[in-house]
Amino acid sequence: MSIGERVTALTNQMTNLDDRWRDVFHAVPRHLFIPDRAWCHPDDGPGYLIDRTADPETWMDVAYSNTSIVTQINDGAADIGRGKGDYTSSASAPSVVAAGLKLLDPYDGDEVLEIGTGTGWTAGLLANRLGDENITSVEIDQAVFTTAAENLKRAGHSPRLILGDGAGGWPEKAPYDRIHVTCGVYQVPYAWVEQARPGGVIVFPWMPRWEGGHLTRLNAVGDGTAVGRFYGGVRFMMLRSQRWSRPRHEDVYRRSTTYLDPRRVVRSSYGAEIAIAGMLPDVCGAHEDQEGGEFHLSLWSDDSDAQVHYAPDYKGIAVLQRGPRGLWDELEAAYLRWMSWGTPHRDRFGMTVTPEGQHVWLDSPDNLIT
């Protein structure tokens, strides 16, 4: 199968592509941005190594699949061939890239700031659509930056590449018509709002500490604030300055019982995820299904943690909490508050970013839930 046929087969799977972006995907072949050895990370199965030298056909098949491909682990300190460690750079799944570009909705001649060059593929797509001179892309990792520059040169593009921390944007070329972010953030850096032209758009993956991630589009409204809504679910690697780790707590647990099923708290809807993340922005969670239908939920913040365990043979659900906060009590109250609103879905929520911080709202920016 030719490259053109592979691109056509891939883009035919993506209903969110208009004809102009479809042409761009053909003009900037994805395989030019995939390293010879990488880790395929499908949504529906275990990951596996792709090696162009050992198996060129599988490598090319994956390059043109609708799958994310991990290109760096542990900031380059781990062997990509083992697939173990923290994923720190990747080529996002093409459908996710297309969704972000659709929300970006640039006009001809728009100047775009991209945060997170990665492999360089999305910078290449933007440069092909808008011109090299209109694209500025910021990458914090020296090795990733160097490889992206080589990839873009091979693809025939030379957007402005900046080695630096994307949390600060790139004020030298501001203001920008569009800001395109390829890494997750739980707190929107205000520099991005400052560097957006009035009427400009910021598209980014909001990755709150609570469950899930949400593709988000904010509009810079010209008074120093940006307002917008949440769209599809996504998972992205975090902006490096916003990575977090789980703290260790040594306090003695307080025991209690709840009748609220923790499975419903974490599985009700994306609307519940956003509501909880908005009300409890500093609370993290992780859960797992266990043998015999049991289910375990862990919660933690900087100073407290909680363990909640469901077992089908018991009506009451065991709760352990320690630290100055009762994290399960707070989570239970937030979830039931969302239910009291009529269980609104994701499309009814939005976000406002101001110089003082960010706030989640329901239905209207005047109705803050934080």
Protein backbone atom coordinates (compact mmCIF):
# COMPACT_ATOMS: atom_id res chain seq x y z
CA MET A 1 0.00 0.00 0.00
CA SER A 2 1.38 3.43 -0.94
CA ILE A 3 1.82 6.29 1.54
CA GLY A 4 -1.04 8.17 -0.11
CA GLU A 5 -3.33 5.16 0.23
CA ARG A 6 -2.36 4.78 3.88
CA VAL A 7 -3.10 8.45 4.60
CA THR A 8 -6.43 8.18 2.80
CA ALA A 9 -7.40 5.10 4.81
CA LEU A 10 -6.45 6.91 8.03
CA THR A 11 -8.22 10.19 7.28
CA ASN A 12 -11.36 8.35 6.16
CA GLN A 13 -11.69 7.20 9.78
CA MET A 14 -11.73 10.81 11.00
CA THR A 15 -15.09 12.47 10.47
CA ASN A 16 -13.86 15.68 12.13
CA LEU A 17 -11.59 16.60 9.19
CA ASP A 18 -12.68 19.19 6.65
CA ASP A 19 -11.19 19.10 3.14
CA ARG A 20 -8.46 21.64 3.91
CA TRP A 21 -7.15 19.71 6.89
CA ARG A 22 -7.48 16.45 4.94
CA ASP A 23 -5.17 17.91 2.28
CA VAL A 24 -2.72 18.98 5.00
CA PHE A 25 -2.63 15.46 6.47
CA HIS A 26 -1.68 14.19 2.99
CA ALA A 27 0.98 16.89 2.57
CA VAL A 28 2.71 16.19 5.91
CA PRO A 29 3.11 12.39 6.17
CA ARG A 30 3.05 11.14 9.75
CA HIS A 31 5.73 8.49 9.28
CA LEU A 32 8.34 11.22 8.78
CA PHE A 33 7.89 12.09 12.47
CA ILE A 34 7.98 8.57 13.96
CA PRO A 35 11.38 7.30 15.21
CA ASP A 36 12.69 3.94 14.03
CA ARG A 37 12.03 2.46 17.49
CA ALA A 38 8.94 3.54 19.43
CA TRP A 39 6.24 2.15 21.70
CA CYS A 40 2.73 1.72 20.30
CA HIS A 41 0.14 2.59 22.95
CA PRO A 42 -3.31 1.44 21.76
CA ASP A 43 -6.44 2.24 23.75
CA ASP A 44 -7.81 -1.29 23.56
CA GLY A 45 -4.85 -3.51 24.38
CA PRO A 46 -1.31 -3.78 25.71
CA GLY A 47 1.48 -1.68 24.27
CA TYR A 48 4.25 -3.08 22.11
CA LEU A 49 7.52 -2.09 20.47
CA ILE A 50 7.63 -1.08 16.82
CA ASP A 51 11.03 -1.36 15.15
CA ARG A 52 11.46 -0.13 11.59
CA THR A 53 14.60 -2.20 11.00
CA ALA A 54 13.25 -5.46 12.40
CA ASP A 55 9.69 -5.21 11.03
CA PRO A 56 9.22 -2.30 8.60
CA GLU A 57 5.69 -3.33 7.59
CA THR A 58 4.32 -3.27 11.16
CA TRP A 59 6.18 -0.02 11.81
CA MET A 60 4.51 1.62 8.82
CA ASP A 61 1.10 0.16 9.68
CA VAL A 62 1.31 1.69 13.17
CA ALA A 63 2.58 5.02 11.81
CA TYR A 64 -0.69 5.29 9.87
CA SER A 65 -2.98 3.86 12.53
CA ASN A 66 -5.22 5.98 14.72
CA THR A 67 -3.02 5.25 17.72
CA SER A 68 -0.73 7.24 19.99
CA ILE A 69 2.95 6.34 19.72
CA VAL A 70 5.26 6.91 22.69
CA THR A 71 8.63 8.30 21.63
CA GLN A 72 10.27 8.97 25.02
CA ILE A 73 10.11 7.39 28.49
CA ASN A 74 11.37 8.94 31.74
CA ASP A 75 12.61 12.04 29.89
CA GLY A 76 14.86 9.83 27.80
CA ALA A 77 16.45 7.94 30.69
CA ALA A 78 14.61 4.65 30.01
CA ASP A 79 14.84 2.26 27.05
CA ILE A 80 11.85 2.75 24.77
CA GLY A 81 11.95 -0.94 23.89
CA ARG A 82 10.74 -2.02 27.33
CA GLY A 83 7.78 0.35 27.42
CA LYS A 84 8.14 0.75 31.20
CA GLY A 85 8.25 4.04 33.07
CA ASP A 86 6.59 7.42 32.71
CA TYR A 87 5.67 8.34 29.14
CA THR A 88 7.16 11.80 28.54
CA SER A 89 6.81 12.46 24.79
CA SER A 90 4.68 10.98 22.05
CA ALA A 91 2.95 11.34 18.72
CA SER A 92 -0.72 11.76 19.62
CA ALA A 93 -3.39 9.69 17.93
CA PRO A 94 -4.33 11.38 14.62
CA SER A 95 -8.02 11.68 15.55
CA VAL A 96 -7.04 13.55 18.74
CA VAL A 97 -4.78 15.86 16.73
CA ALA A 98 -7.62 16.48 14.26
CA ALA A 99 -10.07 17.27 17.08
CA GLY A 100 -7.71 19.88 18.50
CA LEU A 101 -7.08 21.46 15.09
CA LYS A 102 -10.81 21.63 14.40
CA LEU A 103 -11.37 23.51 17.65
CA LEU A 104 -8.41 25.78 16.86
CA ASP A 105 -10.18 26.80 13.61
CA PRO A 106 -7.45 29.15 12.29
CA TYR A 107 -7.96 31.67 9.50
CA ASP A 108 -5.45 32.06 6.69
CA GLY A 109 -2.55 34.16 7.93
CA ASP A 110 -3.21 33.48 11.61
CA GLU A 111 -0.18 33.41 13.89
CA VAL A 112 -0.13 30.35 16.10
CA LEU A 113 1.84 29.61 19.27
CA GLU A 114 2.21 25.89 19.92
CA ILE A 115 3.16 24.64 23.39
CA GLY A 116 4.97 21.29 23.16
CA THR A 117 6.63 20.57 19.82
CA GLY A 118 7.00 16.85 20.52
CA THR A 119 7.78 14.98 17.31
CA GLY A 120 7.03 18.14 15.31
CA TRP A 121 4.09 16.64 13.42
CA THR A 122 1.40 19.08 14.55
CA ALA A 123 3.80 21.99 14.02
CA GLY A 124 4.29 20.67 10.50
CA LEU A 125 0.54 20.40 9.93
CA LEU A 126 0.04 23.97 11.14
CA ALA A 127 2.98 25.25 9.07
CA ASN A 128 1.63 23.60 5.94
CA ARG A 129 -1.78 25.18 6.47
CA LEU A 130 -0.67 28.65 7.61
CA GLY A 131 2.95 29.07 6.51
CA ASP A 132 6.21 28.46 8.37
CA GLU A 133 6.52 32.13 9.27
CA ASN A 134 3.25 32.07 11.22
CA ILE A 135 4.07 29.17 13.53
CA THR A 136 6.07 29.38 16.78
CA SER A 137 6.49 26.10 18.67
CA VAL A 138 8.05 25.80 22.14
CA GLU A 139 9.67 22.60 23.42
CA ILE A 140 11.37 22.17 26.81
CA ASP A 141 13.39 18.99 26.14
CA GLN A 142 16.66 19.43 24.24
CA ALA A 143 16.67 15.94 22.69
CA VAL A 144 13.02 16.17 21.65
CA PHE A 145 13.62 19.66 20.27
CA THR A 146 16.58 18.50 18.15
CA THR A 147 14.70 15.52 16.74
CA ALA A 148 11.63 17.64 15.94
CA ALA A 149 13.79 20.11 14.01
CA GLU A 150 15.25 17.25 11.96
CA ASN A 151 11.80 15.77 11.33
CA LEU A 152 10.39 19.09 10.17
CA LYS A 153 13.34 19.71 7.86
CA ARG A 154 12.83 16.27 6.31
CA ALA A 155 9.16 17.15 5.77
CA GLY A 156 10.10 20.44 4.09
CA HIS A 157 9.02 22.84 6.86
CA SER A 158 10.84 25.29 9.09
CA PRO A 159 8.51 26.93 11.63
CA ARG A 160 10.10 28.97 14.42
CA LEU A 161 11.22 26.50 17.10
CA ILE A 162 12.00 27.69 20.61
CA LEU A 163 13.81 25.68 23.26
CA GLY A 164 12.20 26.71 26.53
CA ASP A 165 9.41 26.24 29.05
CA GLY A 166 6.06 26.53 27.32
CA ALA A 167 4.38 27.58 30.58
CA GLY A 168 5.69 31.07 29.85
CA GLY A 169 4.59 31.03 26.22
CA TRP A 170 6.80 33.12 23.93
CA PRO A 171 6.11 36.83 24.47
CA GLU A 172 8.51 38.06 21.78
CA LYS A 173 6.03 37.29 19.00
CA ALA A 174 2.80 37.95 20.93
CA PRO A 175 -0.05 38.48 20.51
CA TYR A 176 -1.11 35.27 18.79
CA ASP A 177 -4.37 34.54 17.01
CA ARG A 178 -4.35 30.95 18.20
CA ILE A 179 -2.53 29.02 20.96
CA HIS A 180 -2.35 25.26 20.47
CA VAL A 181 -1.25 23.13 23.44
CA THR A 182 -0.10 19.51 23.09
CA CYS A 183 0.50 18.71 26.78
CA GLY A 184 -1.89 18.46 29.69
CA VAL A 185 -2.36 21.18 32.30
CA TYR A 186 -4.48 21.26 35.43
CA GLN A 187 -3.87 25.00 35.88
CA VAL A 188 -3.88 27.20 32.78
CA PRO A 189 -0.75 29.40 32.76
CA TYR A 190 -1.95 32.99 32.69
CA ALA A 191 0.87 33.85 30.24
CA TRP A 192 -1.15 32.09 27.54
CA VAL A 193 -4.12 34.37 28.13
CA GLU A 194 -1.86 37.43 28.15
CA GLN A 195 -0.32 36.40 24.83
CA ALA A 196 -3.60 35.72 23.03
CA ARG A 197 -4.99 38.43 20.78
CA PRO A 198 -8.45 39.74 21.79
CA GLY A 199 -10.83 37.33 20.11
CA GLY A 200 -8.10 34.70 19.98
CA VAL A 201 -8.48 31.05 20.91
CA ILE A 202 -6.55 28.74 23.27
CA VAL A 203 -7.02 24.98 22.77
CA PHE A 204 -5.53 22.64 25.36
CA PRO A 205 -6.06 19.34 27.20
CA TRP A 206 -7.33 20.12 30.69
CA MET A 207 -5.98 17.31 32.87
CA PRO A 208 -7.31 17.94 36.39
CA ARG A 209 -5.97 15.95 39.30
CA TRP A 210 -9.31 14.18 39.59
CA GLU A 211 -10.37 11.59 37.00
CA GLY A 212 -10.05 12.05 33.26
CA GLY A 213 -9.04 14.81 30.87
CA HIS A 214 -11.03 17.14 28.64
CA LEU A 215 -10.19 18.93 25.41
CA THR A 216 -10.90 22.59 26.14
CA ARG A 217 -11.32 25.72 24.03
CA LEU A 218 -11.08 29.16 25.64
CA ASN A 219 -11.75 32.48 23.94
CA ALA A 220 -9.72 35.54 24.94
CA VAL A 221 -12.40 38.16 25.49
CA GLY A 222 -10.13 41.22 25.53
CA ASP A 223 -10.33 42.20 29.20
CA GLY A 224 -7.56 39.96 30.49
CA THR A 225 -9.79 36.91 30.83
CA ALA A 226 -10.50 33.82 28.73
CA VAL A 227 -13.78 31.92 28.76
CA GLY A 228 -14.79 28.65 27.12
CA ARG A 229 -16.14 25.13 27.32
CA PHE A 230 -15.09 21.48 27.46
CA TYR A 231 -15.30 19.06 24.55
CA GLY A 232 -14.16 15.43 24.10
CA GLY A 233 -12.29 13.30 26.60
CA VAL A 234 -8.50 13.09 26.21
CA ARG A 235 -5.38 11.93 28.03
CA PHE A 236 -2.10 13.80 27.58
CA MET A 237 1.30 13.90 29.22
CA MET A 238 1.55 16.79 31.63
CA LEU A 239 3.35 20.08 31.15
CA ARG A 240 6.60 19.41 32.98
CA SER A 241 6.16 22.18 35.52
CA GLN A 242 2.73 20.74 36.43
CA ARG A 243 3.64 17.12 36.97
CA TRP A 244 2.72 15.83 40.40
CA SER A 245 3.68 12.86 42.53
CA ARG A 246 1.84 11.12 45.35
CA PRO A 247 2.99 12.32 48.79
CA ARG A 248 3.53 9.96 51.70
CA HIS A 249 1.40 10.37 54.82
CA GLU A 250 2.14 8.77 58.18
CA ASP A 251 -0.95 9.67 60.24
CA VAL A 252 -3.25 7.01 61.67
CA TYR A 253 -6.39 6.35 59.64
CA ARG A 254 -9.84 7.23 60.95
CA ARG A 255 -12.39 4.51 60.19
CA SER A 256 -15.95 5.09 59.03
CA THR A 257 -18.63 3.64 56.74
CA THR A 258 -20.46 5.07 53.73
CA TYR A 259 -23.46 3.89 51.74
CA LEU A 260 -22.52 5.81 48.59
CA ASP A 261 -21.09 3.34 46.06
CA PRO A 262 -17.62 4.64 45.02
CA ARG A 263 -17.98 2.92 41.65
CA ARG A 264 -20.76 5.34 40.74
CA VAL A 265 -18.72 8.33 41.81
CA VAL A 266 -15.95 7.53 39.34
CA ARG A 267 -18.12 6.15 36.51
CA SER A 268 -21.26 8.29 36.39
CA SER A 269 -20.37 10.72 33.59
CA TYR A 270 -17.85 13.21 32.29
CA GLY A 271 -20.08 15.86 33.84
CA ALA A 272 -19.47 14.42 37.29
CA GLU A 273 -15.72 14.36 36.61
CA ILE A 274 -15.68 18.06 35.73
CA ALA A 275 -17.91 19.05 38.64
CA ILE A 276 -15.73 17.19 41.15
CA ALA A 277 -12.50 18.53 39.62
CA GLY A 278 -13.91 22.05 39.78
CA MET A 279 -14.97 21.77 43.41
CA LEU A 280 -11.92 19.79 44.58
CA PRO A 281 -9.06 20.96 42.33
CA ASP A 282 -6.29 19.62 44.56
CA VAL A 283 -7.70 16.10 45.10
CA CYS A 284 -6.26 13.17 43.13
CA GLY A 285 -7.86 9.78 42.68
CA ALA A 286 -7.03 6.31 41.42
CA HIS A 287 -9.23 3.24 41.33
CA GLU A 288 -9.10 -0.43 40.36
CA ASP A 289 -11.47 -3.35 39.96
CA GLN A 290 -10.46 -6.32 42.08
CA GLU A 291 -11.30 -10.00 42.23
CA GLY A 292 -14.77 -11.09 43.23
CA GLY A 293 -16.39 -7.82 42.17
CA GLU A 294 -14.55 -5.75 44.75
CA PHE A 295 -13.48 -2.20 43.98
CA HIS A 296 -10.90 0.08 45.60
CA LEU A 297 -10.64 3.88 45.41
CA SER A 298 -7.63 5.86 46.66
CA LEU A 299 -7.72 9.62 47.22
CA TRP A 300 -4.92 11.98 48.14
CA SER A 301 -3.95 15.62 48.41
CA ASP A 302 -0.81 17.32 49.65
CA ASP A 303 -1.73 16.79 53.30
CA SER A 304 -4.36 14.02 53.45
CA ASP A 305 -5.42 10.72 51.91
CA ALA A 306 -8.30 8.24 51.98
CA GLN A 307 -8.99 4.62 51.03
CA VAL A 308 -12.50 3.46 50.11
CA HIS A 309 -13.24 -0.22 49.56
CA TYR A 310 -16.41 -1.74 48.11
CA ALA A 311 -17.16 -5.45 48.59
CA PRO A 312 -20.40 -6.90 47.17
CA ASP A 313 -21.12 -8.95 50.30
CA TYR A 314 -21.41 -5.88 52.54
CA LYS A 315 -24.00 -3.12 52.42
CA GLY A 316 -21.72 -0.65 54.16
CA ILE A 317 -18.55 0.47 52.40
CA ALA A 318 -15.34 0.78 54.40
CA VAL A 319 -13.69 4.21 54.52
CA LEU A 320 -10.25 5.05 55.90
CA GLN A 321 -9.21 8.73 56.10
CA ARG A 322 -6.19 10.48 57.54
CA GLY A 323 -4.73 13.95 57.64
CA PRO A 324 -6.52 17.21 58.46
CA ARG A 325 -9.10 16.71 55.70
CA GLY A 326 -11.72 14.04 55.17
CA LEU A 327 -11.17 13.52 51.45
CA TRP A 328 -13.91 10.94 51.01
CA ASP A 329 -16.35 13.19 52.90
CA GLU A 330 -15.45 16.06 50.54
CA LEU A 331 -15.74 13.84 47.46
CA GLU A 332 -19.09 12.44 48.59
CA ALA A 333 -20.46 15.95 49.14
CA ALA A 334 -19.21 17.15 45.73
CA TYR A 335 -20.73 14.16 43.93
CA LEU A 336 -24.10 14.51 45.63
CA ARG A 337 -24.07 18.24 44.88
CA TRP A 338 -23.62 17.39 41.19
CA MET A 339 -26.57 14.99 41.46
CA SER A 340 -28.68 17.73 43.07
CA TRP A 341 -28.15 19.86 39.95
CA GLY A 342 -29.81 17.16 37.83
CA THR A 343 -26.60 15.31 36.81
CA PRO A 344 -25.56 17.81 34.09
CA HIS A 345 -23.32 16.52 31.31
CA ARG A 346 -19.95 17.86 30.20
CA ASP A 347 -21.35 20.24 27.56
CA ARG A 348 -23.04 22.34 30.27
CA PHE A 349 -19.79 23.16 32.04
CA GLY A 350 -17.14 25.74 31.20
CA MET A 351 -14.03 27.47 32.49
CA THR A 352 -12.95 31.05 33.04
CA VAL A 353 -9.30 32.05 33.50
CA THR A 354 -8.45 35.41 35.09
CA PRO A 355 -5.26 36.93 36.55
CA GLU A 356 -6.40 35.53 39.93
CA GLY A 357 -6.79 31.93 38.72
CA GLN A 358 -9.26 29.63 36.99
CA HIS A 359 -12.84 28.73 37.83
CA VAL A 360 -15.27 26.10 36.59
CA TRP A 361 -18.89 27.09 35.99
CA LEU A 362 -22.21 25.46 35.16
CA ASP A 363 -24.33 26.82 32.27
CA SER A 364 -23.05 30.41 32.60
CA PRO A 365 -19.76 32.07 33.61
CA ASP A 366 -21.81 33.84 36.30
CA ASN A 367 -22.61 30.50 37.97
CA LEU A 368 -19.25 29.44 39.41
CA ILE A 369 -19.03 26.09 41.19
CA THR A 370 -15.65 26.88 42.77
